[in-house]
């Protein structure tokens, strides 16, 4: 297999089934994703159809642009179902407190739902989070509507999507078994706790909960379209593995190379070779 770290930035994505969109600035990614999400909603509205999406809490950037465009152009979300990807747990069967600064449920209310004009907003009963003890509800909702239009969200440092962490060392799981994993409670990996602590709470590792609930790869893979957002320079290593490395559950997003419509939106910095010695050697 080709050494993906030797691929020139301008050649990334060539020959990969995942479409790659590179922006000069992080903010450009968020506008692109916001527009794509709202184009999907508007097209369904015009057909009189509901829109069913799995959405993240982070990255937050698309939500600020979405709320502005929704209010300005009067795009109704009344026929939308937004299923959030995941939530932190303070124990394997209990959500983190709503008023905790890391809570995704209060975060969505604060940065998105409270910013959309009420006559256009997603109905409260259609603002869905996966729940401990009721994990099957997410698949039931998708089956009820007979479709999942779109999933968008960020990619973790270990190539995860939502909180679908790679297999632990010594854990044996096939790609097919990994893709069949449904919504579930799981322990957050050390790598994810570390990067989330760095990004969200001053690198305080103890501040990040040990457990979460996540929508599974089973539900995500059923979407008509999957958008992966990689807006950081530290996404460089996973980006190359996802596009050109082995298709393996150990890099969960690499499995989307078998999906009919998957894209990555990233920044120019993330396309650089992640190994400095190779960067120097190639100059």
Protein backbone atom coordinates (compact mmCIF):
# COMPACT_ATOMS: atom_id res chain seq x y z
CA UNK A 1 0.00 0.00 0.00
CA UNK A 2 1.20 3.51 -0.81
CA UNK A 3 2.71 5.46 2.08
CA UNK A 4 -0.07 8.02 2.56
CA UNK A 5 2.34 10.36 4.36
CA UNK A 6 4.27 10.78 1.12
CA UNK A 7 1.25 11.96 -0.87
CA UNK A 8 1.57 15.60 -1.88
CA UNK A 9 -1.18 17.82 -0.44
CA UNK A 10 -2.50 18.63 -3.90
CA UNK A 11 -2.91 14.90 -4.62
CA UNK A 12 -4.88 14.05 -1.50
CA UNK A 13 -8.26 12.52 -2.29
CA UNK A 14 -7.27 11.39 -5.78
CA UNK A 15 -8.41 7.81 -6.23
CA UNK A 16 -10.39 7.85 -2.99
CA UNK A 17 -14.15 7.30 -3.03
CA UNK A 18 -14.52 10.02 -0.38
CA UNK A 19 -14.84 13.48 -1.90
CA UNK A 20 -12.41 16.05 -0.46
CA UNK A 21 -13.15 19.76 -0.22
CA UNK A 22 -10.26 21.95 0.97
CA UNK A 23 -10.83 25.49 2.26
CA UNK A 24 -8.29 28.22 2.97
CA UNK A 25 -9.91 29.10 6.30
CA UNK A 26 -11.89 27.23 8.94
CA UNK A 27 -14.81 29.64 8.69
CA UNK A 28 -15.26 28.75 5.01
CA UNK A 29 -15.93 25.13 5.96
CA UNK A 30 -18.72 26.17 8.27
CA UNK A 31 -20.44 28.27 5.62
CA UNK A 32 -20.21 25.39 3.12
CA UNK A 33 -21.68 22.88 5.55
CA UNK A 34 -24.44 25.28 6.65
CA UNK A 35 -25.44 25.89 3.04
CA UNK A 36 -25.45 22.18 2.22
CA UNK A 37 -27.58 21.35 5.26
CA UNK A 38 -30.10 24.07 4.43
CA UNK A 39 -30.22 23.13 0.75
CA UNK A 40 -31.23 19.62 1.83
CA UNK A 41 -33.95 21.00 4.09
CA UNK A 42 -35.27 23.43 1.51
CA UNK A 43 -35.41 20.74 -1.20
CA UNK A 44 -37.43 18.47 1.09
CA UNK A 45 -39.71 21.37 2.08
CA UNK A 46 -40.43 22.03 -1.58
CA UNK A 47 -41.39 18.37 -2.03
CA UNK A 48 -43.51 18.40 1.12
CA UNK A 49 -41.24 15.80 2.74
CA UNK A 50 -39.74 15.70 6.23
CA UNK A 51 -35.99 16.07 6.72
CA UNK A 52 -34.28 13.62 9.07
CA UNK A 53 -30.68 14.34 10.06
CA UNK A 54 -28.09 13.19 12.56
CA UNK A 55 -26.30 16.31 13.77
CA UNK A 56 -23.39 17.03 16.13
CA UNK A 57 -23.00 19.48 18.95
CA UNK A 58 -19.51 20.27 17.69
CA UNK A 59 -18.02 21.77 15.70
CA UNK A 60 -20.23 24.73 16.54
CA UNK A 61 -19.38 26.83 13.49
CA UNK A 62 -22.13 25.58 11.15
CA UNK A 63 -24.86 26.41 13.67
CA UNK A 64 -24.07 30.12 13.86
CA UNK A 65 -24.26 30.32 10.04
CA UNK A 66 -27.34 28.11 9.84
CA UNK A 67 -29.36 30.21 12.27
CA UNK A 68 -28.47 33.39 10.41
CA UNK A 69 -29.45 31.94 7.03
CA UNK A 70 -32.62 30.33 8.39
CA UNK A 71 -33.86 33.60 9.86
CA UNK A 72 -32.83 35.73 6.88
CA UNK A 73 -34.26 33.50 4.17
CA UNK A 74 -37.19 32.14 6.25
CA UNK A 75 -36.32 28.48 5.85
CA UNK A 76 -38.74 26.45 7.93
CA UNK A 77 -37.44 23.65 10.15
CA UNK A 78 -40.94 22.70 11.30
CA UNK A 79 -40.79 19.45 9.33
CA UNK A 80 -37.28 18.54 10.47
CA UNK A 81 -36.10 15.86 12.88
CA UNK A 82 -32.66 16.61 14.33
CA UNK A 83 -31.06 13.62 16.05
CA UNK A 84 -27.99 14.64 18.00
CA UNK A 85 -25.05 12.27 17.75
CA UNK A 86 -24.08 11.89 21.36
CA UNK A 87 -23.92 13.14 24.92
CA UNK A 88 -21.59 12.82 27.89
CA UNK A 89 -22.70 10.66 30.82
CA UNK A 90 -21.77 11.09 34.48
CA UNK A 91 -22.41 7.37 34.98
CA UNK A 92 -23.16 4.60 32.47
CA UNK A 93 -26.90 5.22 32.82
CA UNK A 94 -27.19 8.95 33.61
CA UNK A 95 -26.78 12.07 31.49
CA UNK A 96 -24.30 14.74 32.52
CA UNK A 97 -26.18 17.58 34.25
CA UNK A 98 -27.96 19.99 31.94
CA UNK A 99 -26.20 22.99 33.51
CA UNK A 100 -22.72 21.44 33.14
CA UNK A 101 -20.66 23.57 30.70
CA UNK A 102 -19.80 20.41 28.74
CA UNK A 103 -23.44 19.35 28.27
CA UNK A 104 -24.41 18.94 24.63
CA UNK A 105 -28.15 19.20 25.30
CA UNK A 106 -27.92 22.65 26.85
CA UNK A 107 -25.29 23.59 24.28
CA UNK A 108 -27.67 22.90 21.39
CA UNK A 109 -30.37 24.99 23.07
CA UNK A 110 -27.93 27.82 23.67
CA UNK A 111 -26.08 28.05 20.36
CA UNK A 112 -28.79 26.95 17.92
CA UNK A 113 -32.39 26.43 18.97
CA UNK A 114 -32.53 29.68 20.95
CA UNK A 115 -31.16 31.57 17.94
CA UNK A 116 -33.79 30.45 15.41
CA UNK A 117 -37.04 32.39 15.11
CA UNK A 118 -39.72 30.36 16.85
CA UNK A 119 -42.07 30.22 13.85
CA UNK A 120 -39.27 28.51 11.88
CA UNK A 121 -37.77 26.30 14.60
CA UNK A 122 -37.51 22.54 14.95
CA UNK A 123 -40.43 21.33 17.06
CA UNK A 124 -39.29 20.47 20.62
CA UNK A 125 -40.42 16.86 20.23
CA UNK A 126 -38.19 16.52 17.16
CA UNK A 127 -35.01 17.61 18.97
CA UNK A 128 -33.73 14.14 19.77
CA UNK A 129 -30.80 12.91 21.85
CA UNK A 130 -29.86 9.26 22.34
CA UNK A 131 -30.92 8.13 25.82
CA UNK A 132 -29.36 5.55 28.13
CA UNK A 133 -31.87 2.72 28.52
CA UNK A 134 -33.73 3.70 25.34
CA UNK A 135 -30.96 3.18 22.79
CA UNK A 136 -33.25 1.56 20.21
CA UNK A 137 -35.28 4.74 19.82
CA UNK A 138 -32.84 6.23 17.30
CA UNK A 139 -33.15 3.34 14.86
CA UNK A 140 -36.92 3.31 15.39
CA UNK A 141 -37.14 7.00 14.41
CA UNK A 142 -35.13 6.42 11.24
CA UNK A 143 -37.34 3.46 10.36
CA UNK A 144 -40.50 5.48 11.07
CA UNK A 145 -39.54 8.06 8.45
CA UNK A 146 -38.04 5.49 6.11
CA UNK A 147 -34.89 7.52 5.52
CA UNK A 148 -31.97 9.45 6.95
CA UNK A 149 -31.18 12.38 4.68
CA UNK A 150 -27.85 13.54 6.03
CA UNK A 151 -25.27 13.18 8.77
CA UNK A 152 -22.67 15.85 9.48
CA UNK A 153 -20.12 16.10 12.25
CA UNK A 154 -16.50 16.39 13.25
CA UNK A 155 -13.88 13.65 13.09
CA UNK A 156 -11.91 12.69 16.19
CA UNK A 157 -8.13 12.56 16.51
CA UNK A 158 -8.32 8.76 16.24
CA UNK A 159 -10.62 8.88 13.22
CA UNK A 160 -13.83 8.33 15.17
CA UNK A 161 -17.24 9.73 14.19
CA UNK A 162 -19.72 10.66 16.90
CA UNK A 163 -18.25 8.68 19.82
CA UNK A 164 -17.77 5.49 17.81
CA UNK A 165 -14.33 4.79 19.23
CA UNK A 166 -11.91 2.39 17.49
CA UNK A 167 -11.51 -1.09 18.96
CA UNK A 168 -9.30 -1.18 22.04
CA UNK A 169 -5.95 -3.02 21.88
CA UNK A 170 -6.65 -6.75 21.91
CA UNK A 171 -10.29 -6.29 20.87
CA UNK A 172 -11.18 -8.26 17.76
CA UNK A 173 -13.94 -6.89 15.56
CA UNK A 174 -14.46 -7.07 11.80
CA UNK A 175 -15.33 -4.04 9.72
CA UNK A 176 -18.80 -5.48 9.16
CA UNK A 177 -19.34 -5.98 12.89
CA UNK A 178 -18.15 -2.45 13.63
CA UNK A 179 -20.50 -0.95 11.03
CA UNK A 180 -23.37 -2.89 12.63
CA UNK A 181 -22.80 -1.37 16.08
CA UNK A 182 -25.98 0.52 17.06
CA UNK A 183 -26.61 3.39 19.45
CA UNK A 184 -25.00 2.47 22.78
CA UNK A 185 -23.25 3.56 25.95
CA UNK A 186 -19.48 3.21 25.94
CA UNK A 187 -16.31 4.31 27.64
CA UNK A 188 -14.50 7.23 25.98
CA UNK A 189 -11.01 6.42 24.73
CA UNK A 190 -7.93 7.97 26.27
CA UNK A 191 -7.11 9.74 22.99
CA UNK A 192 -10.55 11.32 22.79
CA UNK A 193 -10.50 12.40 26.43
CA UNK A 194 -7.12 14.02 25.87
CA UNK A 195 -8.00 16.02 22.75
CA UNK A 196 -11.41 17.01 24.17
CA UNK A 197 -9.74 18.23 27.35
CA UNK A 198 -7.26 20.23 25.28
CA UNK A 199 -10.02 21.74 23.12
CA UNK A 200 -12.69 22.37 25.74
CA UNK A 201 -11.38 22.67 29.28
CA UNK A 202 -7.80 23.82 29.45
CA UNK A 203 -6.38 20.28 29.16
CA UNK A 204 -7.96 19.22 32.45
CA UNK A 205 -8.21 15.49 31.78
CA UNK A 206 -10.33 14.87 34.86
CA UNK A 207 -12.99 17.29 33.61
CA UNK A 208 -13.94 15.04 30.69
CA UNK A 209 -16.42 12.30 31.68
CA UNK A 210 -15.41 8.67 31.31
CA UNK A 211 -18.63 7.59 29.57
CA UNK A 212 -20.93 8.71 26.78
CA UNK A 213 -23.85 7.58 24.72
CA UNK A 214 -23.48 7.71 20.97
CA UNK A 215 -25.54 7.09 17.87
CA UNK A 216 -24.00 4.01 16.27
CA UNK A 217 -22.31 3.36 12.97
CA UNK A 218 -25.39 1.30 12.05
CA UNK A 219 -27.59 4.39 12.08
CA UNK A 220 -24.97 6.73 10.60
CA UNK A 221 -24.10 4.47 7.68
CA UNK A 222 -27.79 4.33 6.67
CA UNK A 223 -27.71 8.04 5.74
CA UNK A 224 -28.01 9.09 2.12
CA UNK A 225 -25.10 11.47 2.62
CA UNK A 226 -22.29 11.70 5.17
CA UNK A 227 -20.25 14.87 5.76
CA UNK A 228 -17.06 14.72 7.82
CA UNK A 229 -15.67 18.01 9.13
CA UNK A 230 -11.92 18.23 9.81
CA UNK A 231 -11.19 21.90 10.59
CA UNK A 232 -8.00 21.59 12.68
CA UNK A 233 -4.33 21.18 11.87
CA UNK A 234 -4.27 18.15 14.17
CA UNK A 235 -6.69 16.43 11.78
CA UNK A 236 -3.76 15.90 9.37
CA UNK A 237 -2.84 12.39 10.48
CA UNK A 238 -6.36 10.98 10.45
CA UNK A 239 -7.21 12.74 7.18
CA UNK A 240 -4.61 10.79 5.21
CA UNK A 241 -5.52 7.49 6.86
CA UNK A 242 -9.22 8.00 6.11
CA UNK A 243 -8.62 8.87 2.47
CA UNK A 244 -5.75 6.55 1.56
CA UNK A 245 -4.95 4.13 4.38
CA UNK A 246 -6.40 0.73 5.12
CA UNK A 247 -10.18 0.54 5.36
CA UNK A 248 -10.43 -0.58 8.96
CA UNK A 249 -12.51 -0.23 12.10
CA UNK A 250 -9.32 1.00 13.78
CA UNK A 251 -9.83 4.25 11.79
CA UNK A 252 -13.65 4.34 11.90
CA UNK A 253 -14.14 7.05 9.27
CA UNK A 254 -12.11 5.02 6.76
CA UNK A 255 -15.14 2.70 6.61
CA UNK A 256 -17.04 5.49 4.84
CA UNK A 257 -14.94 4.75 1.75
CA UNK A 258 -17.52 2.01 1.16
CA UNK A 259 -20.43 4.49 1.47
CA UNK A 260 -21.96 5.80 -1.79
CA UNK A 261 -21.88 9.50 -0.82
CA UNK A 262 -19.30 10.63 1.75
CA UNK A 263 -17.33 13.89 1.83
CA UNK A 264 -14.66 15.56 3.94
CA UNK A 265 -14.47 19.32 4.42
CA UNK A 266 -11.07 20.39 5.69
CA UNK A 267 -8.57 23.26 5.81
CA UNK A 268 -5.32 23.66 3.89
CA UNK A 269 -3.24 23.16 7.08
CA UNK A 270 -4.69 19.68 7.57
CA UNK A 271 -3.50 18.57 4.15
CA UNK A 272 0.18 19.10 5.04
CA UNK A 273 2.29 16.04 5.71
CA UNK A 274 1.92 15.29 9.44
CA UNK A 275 5.56 14.17 9.83
CA UNK A 276 7.99 17.14 9.82
CA UNK A 277 10.96 15.10 8.56
CA UNK A 278 9.04 14.07 5.46
CA UNK A 279 7.94 17.66 4.88
CA UNK A 280 11.59 18.77 4.88
CA UNK A 281 12.68 15.83 2.73
CA UNK A 282 10.06 16.61 0.09
CA UNK A 283 11.06 20.27 -0.30
